[in-house]
């Protein structure tokens, strides 16, 4: 994108900046940009983080370390603040239910596309 303008002024929307990654124009505010970081919009940063997290999940050592950290945290919580253990487990079950629901919906959608 060398040579192209990244900043424009709209009479309706005010000053806007173009993201060099997705080439979209966004208003210059904290909803779309991090403070003093203009090299990538927040949408692109979130997408990059999501893809990186997905890639990290493929690493068996990372998954093992993450599971071990979760076990250590649960054991620590059981010793230090057992009154919060039920809320922790309820929250974890809720997240798992949401993931399972999303996965079932995706599988159902794929099956409908393929006529099964």
Protein backbone atom coordinates (compact mmCIF):
# COMPACT_ATOMS: atom_id res chain seq x y z
CA UNK A 1 0.00 0.00 0.00
CA UNK A 2 2.96 2.30 -0.43
CA UNK A 3 1.96 5.62 -1.86
CA UNK A 4 -1.72 5.35 -0.93
CA UNK A 5 -3.30 7.63 1.62
CA UNK A 6 -4.24 6.07 4.95
CA UNK A 7 -5.98 9.10 6.41
CA UNK A 8 -9.11 10.77 5.11
CA UNK A 9 -11.49 13.35 6.44
CA UNK A 10 -15.21 12.83 6.02
CA UNK A 11 -17.62 15.65 6.76
CA UNK A 12 -20.10 13.15 8.20
CA UNK A 13 -17.88 10.63 10.02
CA UNK A 14 -14.87 12.82 10.80
CA UNK A 15 -11.28 11.62 10.43
CA UNK A 16 -10.84 7.99 9.33
CA UNK A 17 -7.82 5.76 9.01
CA UNK A 18 -7.35 2.81 6.66
CA UNK A 19 -6.04 -0.44 8.14
CA UNK A 20 -3.09 -1.66 6.06
CA UNK A 21 -4.06 -5.32 6.69
CA UNK A 22 -7.75 -5.40 5.78
CA UNK A 23 -7.87 -2.11 3.80
CA UNK A 24 -11.04 -1.01 5.65
CA UNK A 25 -11.65 2.56 6.73
CA UNK A 26 -12.43 3.10 10.42
CA UNK A 27 -13.04 6.22 12.50
CA UNK A 28 -10.11 7.19 14.67
CA UNK A 29 -11.45 6.11 18.06
CA UNK A 30 -10.73 3.53 20.73
CA UNK A 31 -13.48 1.26 19.41
CA UNK A 32 -11.48 0.51 16.26
CA UNK A 33 -7.86 1.37 17.15
CA UNK A 34 -5.59 0.92 20.15
CA UNK A 35 -4.20 4.11 21.56
CA UNK A 36 -1.02 5.16 19.72
CA UNK A 37 -0.98 1.97 17.63
CA UNK A 38 -2.01 2.61 14.07
CA UNK A 39 -0.39 -0.36 12.28
CA UNK A 40 -3.39 -2.70 12.65
CA UNK A 41 -7.07 -2.20 13.52
CA UNK A 42 -8.55 -3.99 16.53
CA UNK A 43 -10.56 -6.35 14.28
CA UNK A 44 -7.36 -7.53 12.59
CA UNK A 45 -5.58 -7.84 15.95
CA UNK A 46 -8.41 -9.98 17.32
CA UNK A 47 -8.40 -12.18 14.23
CA UNK A 48 -4.63 -12.62 14.48
CA UNK A 49 -4.91 -13.54 18.18
CA UNK A 50 -7.72 -16.01 17.45
CA UNK A 51 -5.72 -17.72 14.73
CA UNK A 52 -2.61 -17.82 16.93
CA UNK A 53 -4.59 -19.40 19.79
CA UNK A 54 -6.02 -21.98 17.39
CA UNK A 55 -2.54 -22.79 16.11
CA UNK A 56 -1.21 -23.08 19.66
CA UNK A 57 -3.92 -25.65 20.49
CA UNK A 58 -2.33 -28.03 17.97
CA UNK A 59 0.80 -28.26 20.13
CA UNK A 60 0.49 -31.30 22.41
CA UNK A 61 2.95 -29.91 24.96
CA UNK A 62 0.97 -26.67 25.23
CA UNK A 63 -2.29 -28.58 25.79
CA UNK A 64 -0.63 -30.74 28.46
CA UNK A 65 0.79 -27.70 30.26
CA UNK A 66 -2.56 -25.90 30.08
CA UNK A 67 -4.40 -28.91 31.55
CA UNK A 68 -1.82 -29.18 34.33
CA UNK A 69 -2.17 -25.47 35.13
CA UNK A 70 -5.96 -25.88 35.33
CA UNK A 71 -5.57 -28.82 37.73
CA UNK A 72 -3.14 -26.83 39.90
CA UNK A 73 -5.52 -23.85 39.98
CA UNK A 74 -8.48 -26.03 40.95
CA UNK A 75 -6.47 -27.66 43.74
CA UNK A 76 -5.26 -24.25 44.97
CA UNK A 77 -8.82 -22.93 44.91
CA UNK A 78 -10.01 -25.98 46.85
CA UNK A 79 -7.45 -25.29 49.59
CA UNK A 80 -7.55 -21.49 49.77
CA UNK A 81 -11.14 -20.56 48.93
CA UNK A 82 -13.41 -23.62 48.80
CA UNK A 83 -16.52 -21.39 48.81
CA UNK A 84 -15.66 -20.34 45.23
CA UNK A 85 -15.10 -23.86 43.91
CA UNK A 86 -18.74 -24.47 43.00
CA UNK A 87 -18.91 -21.15 41.08
CA UNK A 88 -15.66 -22.02 39.26
CA UNK A 89 -16.99 -25.43 38.22
CA UNK A 90 -20.38 -23.98 37.23
CA UNK A 91 -18.64 -21.40 35.03
CA UNK A 92 -16.46 -24.08 33.44
CA UNK A 93 -19.47 -26.30 32.70
CA UNK A 94 -21.29 -23.32 31.20
CA UNK A 95 -18.37 -22.58 28.85
CA UNK A 96 -18.22 -26.23 27.81
CA UNK A 97 -21.98 -26.25 27.13
CA UNK A 98 -21.66 -23.16 24.94
CA UNK A 99 -18.80 -24.70 22.96
CA UNK A 100 -20.73 -27.94 22.52
CA UNK A 101 -23.82 -26.02 21.37
CA UNK A 102 -21.77 -24.05 18.82
CA UNK A 103 -20.10 -27.22 17.56
CA UNK A 104 -23.44 -29.04 17.16
CA UNK A 105 -24.90 -26.07 15.27
CA UNK A 106 -21.88 -25.99 12.97
CA UNK A 107 -22.06 -29.74 12.32
CA UNK A 108 -25.79 -29.47 11.64
CA UNK A 109 -25.18 -26.62 9.18
CA UNK A 110 -22.47 -28.59 7.37
CA UNK A 111 -24.70 -31.66 7.20
CA UNK A 112 -27.54 -29.60 5.69
CA UNK A 113 -25.18 -28.16 3.08
CA UNK A 114 -24.13 -31.64 2.04
CA UNK A 115 -27.71 -32.96 2.00
CA UNK A 116 -27.40 -35.47 4.80
